[in-house]
Amino acid sequence: MITYTPFWNTLRASEESTYTLITKHRISSATIDKLRKNKPITTTTLNDLCRILNCSVQEIIEYIPSETDQPL
């Protein structure tokens, strides 16, 4: 399972907020909702968030093995 818990920690440590992501950086409110619900986002969005927050991908997402992952 992919979780965006690191994103929320990185955001709290930054000078940005969900408000500035939406209004200043044009990240959609739907994307913020996806981050809240650990739903898929595009790699383009991941790239944008890394650039805005000046961080690495690991500071946005984390993979946690889960029993509910779909079988391969």
PDB file of N, CA and C in Angstrom:
ATOM      1  N   MET A   1       0.843  -1.171   0.000  1.00  0.00           N
ATOM      2  CA  MET A   1       0.000   0.000   0.000  1.00  0.00           C
ATOM      3  C   MET A   1       0.893   1.241   0.000  1.00  0.00           C
ATOM      4  N   ILE A   2       0.519   2.200  -0.809  1.00  0.00           N
ATOM      5  CA  ILE A   2       1.206   3.483  -0.835  1.00  0.00           C
ATOM      6  C   ILE A   2       0.507   4.427   0.144  1.00  0.00           C
ATOM      7  N   THR A   3       1.290   5.055   0.990  1.00  0.00           N
ATOM      8  CA  THR A   3       0.734   6.027   1.926  1.00  0.00           C
ATOM      9  C   THR A   3       1.421   7.377   1.718  1.00  0.00           C
ATOM     10  N   TYR A   4       0.666   8.429   1.949  1.00  0.00           N
ATOM     11  CA  TYR A   4       1.200   9.786   1.799  1.00  0.00           C
ATOM     12  C   TYR A   4       1.463  10.441   3.154  1.00  0.00           C
ATOM     13  N   THR A   5       1.606   9.653   4.192  1.00  0.00           N
ATOM     14  CA  THR A   5       1.926  10.188   5.517  1.00  0.00           C
ATOM     15  C   THR A   5       3.186  11.051   5.491  1.00  0.00           C
ATOM     16  N   PRO A   6       4.244  10.637   4.776  1.00  0.00           N
ATOM     17  CA  PRO A   6       5.424  11.510   4.721  1.00  0.00           C
ATOM     18  C   PRO A   6       5.118  12.882   4.118  1.00  0.00           C
ATOM     19  N   PHE A   7       4.190  12.935   3.154  1.00  0.00           N
ATOM     20  CA  PHE A   7       3.817  14.221   2.556  1.00  0.00           C
ATOM     21  C   PHE A   7       3.285  15.170   3.613  1.00  0.00           C
ATOM     22  N   TRP A   8       2.393  14.700   4.468  1.00  0.00           N
ATOM     23  CA  TRP A   8       1.779  15.566   5.480  1.00  0.00           C
ATOM     24  C   TRP A   8       2.830  16.053   6.468  1.00  0.00           C
ATOM     25  N   ASN A   9       3.792  15.200   6.817  1.00  0.00           N
ATOM     26  CA  ASN A   9       4.885  15.618   7.708  1.00  0.00           C
ATOM     27  C   ASN A   9       5.765  16.662   7.024  1.00  0.00           C
ATOM     28  N   THR A  10       6.076  16.436   5.752  1.00  0.00           N
ATOM     29  CA  THR A  10       6.894  17.379   4.988  1.00  0.00           C
ATOM     30  C   THR A  10       6.168  18.707   4.825  1.00  0.00           C
ATOM     31  N   LEU A  11       4.877  18.644   4.553  1.00  0.00           N
ATOM     32  CA  LEU A  11       4.092  19.867   4.391  1.00  0.00           C
ATOM     33  C   LEU A  11       4.080  20.673   5.687  1.00  0.00           C
ATOM     34  N   ARG A  12       3.879  20.005   6.821  1.00  0.00           N
ATOM     35  CA  ARG A  12       3.864  20.694   8.120  1.00  0.00           C
ATOM     36  C   ARG A  12       5.206  21.387   8.396  1.00  0.00           C
ATOM     37  N   ALA A  13       6.292  20.753   7.975  1.00  0.00           N
ATOM     38  CA  ALA A  13       7.628  21.311   8.222  1.00  0.00           C
ATOM     39  C   ALA A  13       7.986  22.432   7.242  1.00  0.00           C
ATOM     40  N   SER A  14       7.189  22.589   6.193  1.00  0.00           N
ATOM     41  CA  SER A  14       7.484  23.602   5.174  1.00  0.00           C
ATOM     42  C   SER A  14       6.736  24.901   5.475  1.00  0.00           C
ATOM     43  N   GLU A  15       6.958  25.881   4.603  1.00  0.00           N
ATOM     44  CA  GLU A  15       6.234  27.151   4.716  1.00  0.00           C
ATOM     45  C   GLU A  15       4.931  27.118   3.923  1.00  0.00           C
ATOM     46  N   GLU A  16       4.628  25.982   3.303  1.00  0.00           N
ATOM     47  CA  GLU A  16       3.421  25.829   2.486  1.00  0.00           C
ATOM     48  C   GLU A  16       2.290  25.244   3.324  1.00  0.00           C
ATOM     49  N   SER A  17       1.089  25.333   2.764  1.00  0.00           N
ATOM     50  CA  SER A  17      -0.099  24.733   3.380  1.00  0.00           C
ATOM     51  C   SER A  17      -0.960  24.192   2.247  1.00  0.00           C
ATOM     52  N   THR A  18      -2.001  23.467   2.574  1.00  0.00           N
ATOM     53  CA  THR A  18      -2.900  23.004   1.516  1.00  0.00           C
ATOM     54  C   THR A  18      -3.500  24.206   0.787  1.00  0.00           C
ATOM     55  N   TYR A  19      -3.742  25.279   1.513  1.00  0.00           N
ATOM     56  CA  TYR A  19      -4.278  26.492   0.889  1.00  0.00           C
ATOM     57  C   TYR A  19      -3.309  27.048  -0.157  1.00  0.00           C
ATOM     58  N   THR A  20      -2.031  27.157   0.183  1.00  0.00           N
ATOM     59  CA  THR A  20      -1.073  27.698  -0.786  1.00  0.00           C
ATOM     60  C   THR A  20      -0.830  26.718  -1.928  1.00  0.00           C
ATOM     61  N   LEU A  21      -0.884  25.430  -1.651  1.00  0.00           N
ATOM     62  CA  LEU A  21      -0.741  24.462  -2.736  1.00  0.00           C
ATOM     63  C   LEU A  21      -1.842  24.661  -3.774  1.00  0.00           C
ATOM     64  N   ILE A  22      -3.055  24.907  -3.293  1.00  0.00           N
ATOM     65  CA  ILE A  22      -4.199  25.087  -4.194  1.00  0.00           C
ATOM     66  C   ILE A  22      -4.161  26.456  -4.875  1.00  0.00           C
ATOM     67  N   THR A  23      -3.989  27.509  -4.103  1.00  0.00           N
ATOM     68  CA  THR A  23      -4.113  28.864  -4.667  1.00  0.00           C
ATOM     69  C   THR A  23      -2.856  29.361  -5.375  1.00  0.00           C
ATOM     70  N   LYS A  24      -1.704  29.122  -4.798  1.00  0.00           N
ATOM     71  CA  LYS A  24      -0.454  29.638  -5.355  1.00  0.00           C
ATOM     72  C   LYS A  24       0.148  28.693  -6.399  1.00  0.00           C
ATOM     73  N   HIS A  25       0.099  27.392  -6.120  1.00  0.00           N
ATOM     74  CA  HIS A  25       0.781  26.408  -6.966  1.00  0.00           C
ATOM     75  C   HIS A  25      -0.166  25.631  -7.873  1.00  0.00           C
ATOM     76  N   ARG A  26      -1.439  25.914  -7.771  1.00  0.00           N
ATOM     77  CA  ARG A  26      -2.459  25.316  -8.648  1.00  0.00           C
ATOM     78  C   ARG A  26      -2.549  23.798  -8.569  1.00  0.00           C
ATOM     79  N   ILE A  27      -2.304  23.255  -7.373  1.00  0.00           N
ATOM     80  CA  ILE A  27      -2.577  21.838  -7.127  1.00  0.00           C
ATOM     81  C   ILE A  27      -4.074  21.759  -6.852  1.00  0.00           C
ATOM     82  N   SER A  28      -4.774  20.871  -7.520  1.00  0.00           N
ATOM     83  CA  SER A  28      -6.230  20.846  -7.386  1.00  0.00           C
ATOM     84  C   SER A  28      -6.659  20.340  -6.010  1.00  0.00           C
ATOM     85  N   SER A  29      -7.824  20.783  -5.589  1.00  0.00           N
ATOM     86  CA  SER A  29      -8.374  20.306  -4.317  1.00  0.00           C
ATOM     87  C   SER A  29      -8.673  18.811  -4.406  1.00  0.00           C
ATOM     88  N   ALA A  30      -8.967  18.316  -5.602  1.00  0.00           N
ATOM     89  CA  ALA A  30      -9.190  16.874  -5.794  1.00  0.00           C
ATOM     90  C   ALA A  30      -7.904  16.091  -5.514  1.00  0.00           C
ATOM     91  N   THR A  31      -6.771  16.656  -5.907  1.00  0.00           N
ATOM     92  CA  THR A  31      -5.484  16.008  -5.636  1.00  0.00           C
ATOM     93  C   THR A  31      -5.204  15.996  -4.141  1.00  0.00           C
ATOM     94  N   ILE A  32      -5.484  17.088  -3.472  1.00  0.00           N
ATOM     95  CA  ILE A  32      -5.305  17.134  -2.006  1.00  0.00           C
ATOM     96  C   ILE A  32      -6.180  16.070  -1.356  1.00  0.00           C
ATOM     97  N   ASP A  33      -7.394  15.905  -1.848  1.00  0.00           N
ATOM     98  CA  ASP A  33      -8.305  14.883  -1.325  1.00  0.00           C
ATOM     99  C   ASP A  33      -7.730  13.484  -1.569  1.00  0.00           C
ATOM    100  N   LYS A  34      -7.152  13.253  -2.734  1.00  0.00           N
ATOM    101  CA  LYS A  34      -6.523  11.957  -3.021  1.00  0.00           C
ATOM    102  C   LYS A  34      -5.373  11.692  -2.055  1.00  0.00           C
ATOM    103  N   LEU A  35      -4.591  12.719  -1.760  1.00  0.00           N
ATOM    104  CA  LEU A  35      -3.495  12.558  -0.805  1.00  0.00           C
ATOM    105  C   LEU A  35      -4.034  12.207   0.580  1.00  0.00           C
ATOM    106  N   ARG A  36      -5.116  12.848   0.961  1.00  0.00           N
ATOM    107  CA  ARG A  36      -5.723  12.554   2.272  1.00  0.00           C
ATOM    108  C   ARG A  36      -6.204  11.111   2.359  1.00  0.00           C
ATOM    109  N   LYS A  37      -6.709  10.586   1.243  1.00  0.00           N
ATOM    110  CA  LYS A  37      -7.319   9.242   1.223  1.00  0.00           C
ATOM    111  C   LYS A  37      -6.386   8.167   0.693  1.00  0.00           C
ATOM    112  N   ASN A  38      -5.097   8.500   0.507  1.00  0.00           N
ATOM    113  CA  ASN A  38      -4.104   7.550  -0.019  1.00  0.00           C
ATOM    114  C   ASN A  38      -4.532   6.936  -1.348  1.00  0.00           C
ATOM    115  N   LYS A  39      -5.117   7.752  -2.207  1.00  0.00           N
ATOM    116  CA  LYS A  39      -5.528   7.322  -3.548  1.00  0.00           C
ATOM    117  C   LYS A  39      -4.397   7.619  -4.534  1.00  0.00           C
ATOM    118  N   PRO A  40      -4.389   6.958  -5.695  1.00  0.00           N
ATOM    119  CA  PRO A  40      -3.312   7.169  -6.671  1.00  0.00           C
ATOM    120  C   PRO A  40      -3.257   8.602  -7.199  1.00  0.00           C
ATOM    121  N   ILE A  41      -2.027   9.087  -7.378  1.00  0.00           N
ATOM    122  CA  ILE A  41      -1.786  10.365  -8.048  1.00  0.00           C
ATOM    123  C   ILE A  41      -0.747  10.118  -9.132  1.00  0.00           C
ATOM    124  N   THR A  42      -0.621  11.040 -10.061  1.00  0.00           N
ATOM    125  CA  THR A  42       0.305  10.855 -11.170  1.00  0.00           C
ATOM    126  C   THR A  42       1.742  11.157 -10.756  1.00  0.00           C
ATOM    127  N   THR A  43       2.675  10.643 -11.543  1.00  0.00           N
ATOM    128  CA  THR A  43       4.078  10.958 -11.297  1.00  0.00           C
ATOM    129  C   THR A  43       4.351  12.433 -11.588  1.00  0.00           C
ATOM    130  N   THR A  44       3.587  13.021 -12.472  1.00  0.00           N
ATOM    131  CA  THR A  44       3.718  14.457 -12.729  1.00  0.00           C
ATOM    132  C   THR A  44       3.385  15.244 -11.471  1.00  0.00           C
ATOM    133  N   THR A  45       2.334  14.837 -10.781  1.00  0.00           N
ATOM    134  CA  THR A  45       1.954  15.497  -9.531  1.00  0.00           C
ATOM    135  C   THR A  45       3.026  15.273  -8.468  1.00  0.00           C
ATOM    136  N   LEU A  46       3.559  14.056  -8.394  1.00  0.00           N
ATOM    137  CA  LEU A  46       4.657  13.790  -7.447  1.00  0.00           C
ATOM    138  C   LEU A  46       5.840  14.707  -7.733  1.00  0.00           C
ATOM    139  N   ASN A  47       6.173  14.846  -9.006  1.00  0.00           N
ATOM    140  CA  ASN A  47       7.266  15.736  -9.403  1.00  0.00           C
ATOM    141  C   ASN A  47       6.970  17.173  -8.972  1.00  0.00           C
ATOM    142  N   ASP A  48       5.757  17.640  -9.229  1.00  0.00           N
ATOM    143  CA  ASP A  48       5.377  19.005  -8.847  1.00  0.00           C
ATOM    144  C   ASP A  48       5.500  19.211  -7.344  1.00  0.00           C
ATOM    145  N   LEU A  49       5.014  18.256  -6.566  1.00  0.00           N
ATOM    146  CA  LEU A  49       5.081  18.382  -5.104  1.00  0.00           C
ATOM    147  C   LEU A  49       6.527  18.402  -4.618  1.00  0.00           C
ATOM    148  N   CYS A  50       7.374  17.567  -5.216  1.00  0.00           N
ATOM    149  CA  CYS A  50       8.798  17.565  -4.843  1.00  0.00           C
ATOM    150  C   CYS A  50       9.436  18.909  -5.153  1.00  0.00           C
ATOM    151  N   ARG A  51       9.093  19.494  -6.294  1.00  0.00           N
ATOM    152  CA  ARG A  51       9.650  20.799  -6.664  1.00  0.00           C
ATOM    153  C   ARG A  51       9.141  21.891  -5.735  1.00  0.00           C
ATOM    154  N   ILE A  52       7.847  21.881  -5.443  1.00  0.00           N
ATOM    155  CA  ILE A  52       7.264  22.907  -4.577  1.00  0.00           C
ATOM    156  C   ILE A  52       7.854  22.833  -3.171  1.00  0.00           C
ATOM    157  N   LEU A  53       7.948  21.614  -2.640  1.00  0.00           N
ATOM    158  CA  LEU A  53       8.402  21.427  -1.256  1.00  0.00           C
ATOM    159  C   LEU A  53       9.915  21.240  -1.152  1.00  0.00           C
ATOM    160  N   ASN A  54      10.594  21.236  -2.312  1.00  0.00           N
ATOM    161  CA  ASN A  54      12.044  21.067  -2.346  1.00  0.00           C
ATOM    162  C   ASN A  54      12.461  19.829  -1.550  1.00  0.00           C
ATOM    163  N   CYS A  55      11.903  18.684  -1.954  1.00  0.00           N
ATOM    164  CA  CYS A  55      12.158  17.445  -1.220  1.00  0.00           C
ATOM    165  C   CYS A  55      12.282  16.275  -2.189  1.00  0.00           C
ATOM    166  N   SER A  56      12.608  15.113  -1.664  1.00  0.00           N
ATOM    167  CA  SER A  56      12.704  13.901  -2.472  1.00  0.00           C
ATOM    168  C   SER A  56      11.368  13.161  -2.455  1.00  0.00           C
ATOM    169  N   VAL A  57      11.236  12.206  -3.350  1.00  0.00           N
ATOM    170  CA  VAL A  57       9.999  11.421  -3.441  1.00  0.00           C
ATOM    171  C   VAL A  57       9.710  10.706  -2.114  1.00  0.00           C
ATOM    172  N   GLN A  58      10.753  10.251  -1.442  1.00  0.00           N
ATOM    173  CA  GLN A  58      10.574   9.544  -0.174  1.00  0.00           C
ATOM    174  C   GLN A  58       9.960  10.422   0.907  1.00  0.00           C
ATOM    175  N   GLU A  59      10.031  11.734   0.708  1.00  0.00           N
ATOM    176  CA  GLU A  59       9.415  12.650   1.663  1.00  0.00           C
ATOM    177  C   GLU A  59       7.954  12.938   1.309  1.00  0.00           C
ATOM    178  N   ILE A  60       7.460  12.279   0.251  1.00  0.00           N
ATOM    179  CA  ILE A  60       6.067  12.421  -0.183  1.00  0.00           C
ATOM    180  C   ILE A  60       5.310  11.112  -0.014  1.00  0.00           C
ATOM    181  N   ILE A  61       5.931  10.001  -0.426  1.00  0.00           N
ATOM    182  CA  ILE A  61       5.245   8.705  -0.403  1.00  0.00           C
ATOM    183  C   ILE A  61       6.065   7.660   0.345  1.00  0.00           C
ATOM    184  N   GLU A  62       5.359   6.615   0.766  1.00  0.00           N
ATOM    185  CA  GLU A  62       5.997   5.476   1.414  1.00  0.00           C
ATOM    186  C   GLU A  62       5.219   4.229   1.031  1.00  0.00           C
ATOM    187  N   TYR A  63       5.941   3.156   0.748  1.00  0.00           N
ATOM    188  CA  TYR A  63       5.303   1.873   0.475  1.00  0.00           C
ATOM    189  C   TYR A  63       5.326   1.041   1.742  1.00  0.00           C
ATOM    190  N   ILE A  64       4.161   0.534   2.114  1.00  0.00           N
ATOM    191  CA  ILE A  64       4.036  -0.344   3.274  1.00  0.00           C
ATOM    192  C   ILE A  64       3.359  -1.628   2.798  1.00  0.00           C
ATOM    193  N   PRO A  65       4.046  -2.778   2.883  1.00  0.00           N
ATOM    194  CA  PRO A  65       3.406  -4.036   2.483  1.00  0.00           C
ATOM    195  C   PRO A  65       2.113  -4.244   3.265  1.00  0.00           C
ATOM    196  N   SER A  66       1.108  -4.757   2.567  1.00  0.00           N
ATOM    197  CA  SER A  66      -0.189  -4.940   3.193  1.00  0.00           C
ATOM    198  C   SER A  66      -0.820  -6.261   2.760  1.00  0.00           C
ATOM    199  N   GLU A  67      -1.545  -6.879   3.667  1.00  0.00           N
ATOM    200  CA  GLU A  67      -2.271  -8.116   3.363  1.00  0.00           C
ATOM    201  C   GLU A  67      -3.374  -7.883   2.341  1.00  0.00           C
ATOM    202  N   THR A  68      -3.830  -6.632   2.231  1.00  0.00           N
ATOM    203  CA  THR A  68      -4.941  -6.334   1.317  1.00  0.00           C
ATOM    204  C   THR A  68      -4.468  -5.928  -0.078  1.00  0.00           C
ATOM    205  N   ASP A  69      -3.148  -5.905  -0.319  1.00  0.00           N
ATOM    206  CA  ASP A  69      -2.656  -5.627  -1.675  1.00  0.00           C
ATOM    207  C   ASP A  69      -3.181  -6.689  -2.627  1.00  0.00           C
ATOM    208  N   GLN A  70      -3.487  -6.278  -3.856  1.00  0.00           N
ATOM    209  CA  GLN A  70      -3.981  -7.246  -4.813  1.00  0.00           C
ATOM    210  C   GLN A  70      -2.879  -8.233  -5.187  1.00  0.00           C
ATOM    211  N   PRO A  71      -3.233  -9.489  -5.416  1.00  0.00           N
ATOM    212  CA  PRO A  71      -2.215 -10.483  -5.776  1.00  0.00           C
ATOM    213  C   PRO A  71      -1.612 -10.180  -7.142  1.00  0.00           C
ATOM    214  N   LEU A  72      -0.349 -10.551  -7.300  1.00  0.00           N
ATOM    215  CA  LEU A  72       0.336 -10.342  -8.578  1.00  0.00           C
ATOM    216  C   LEU A  72       0.254 -11.601  -9.428  1.00  0.00           C
TER     217      LEU A  72
END
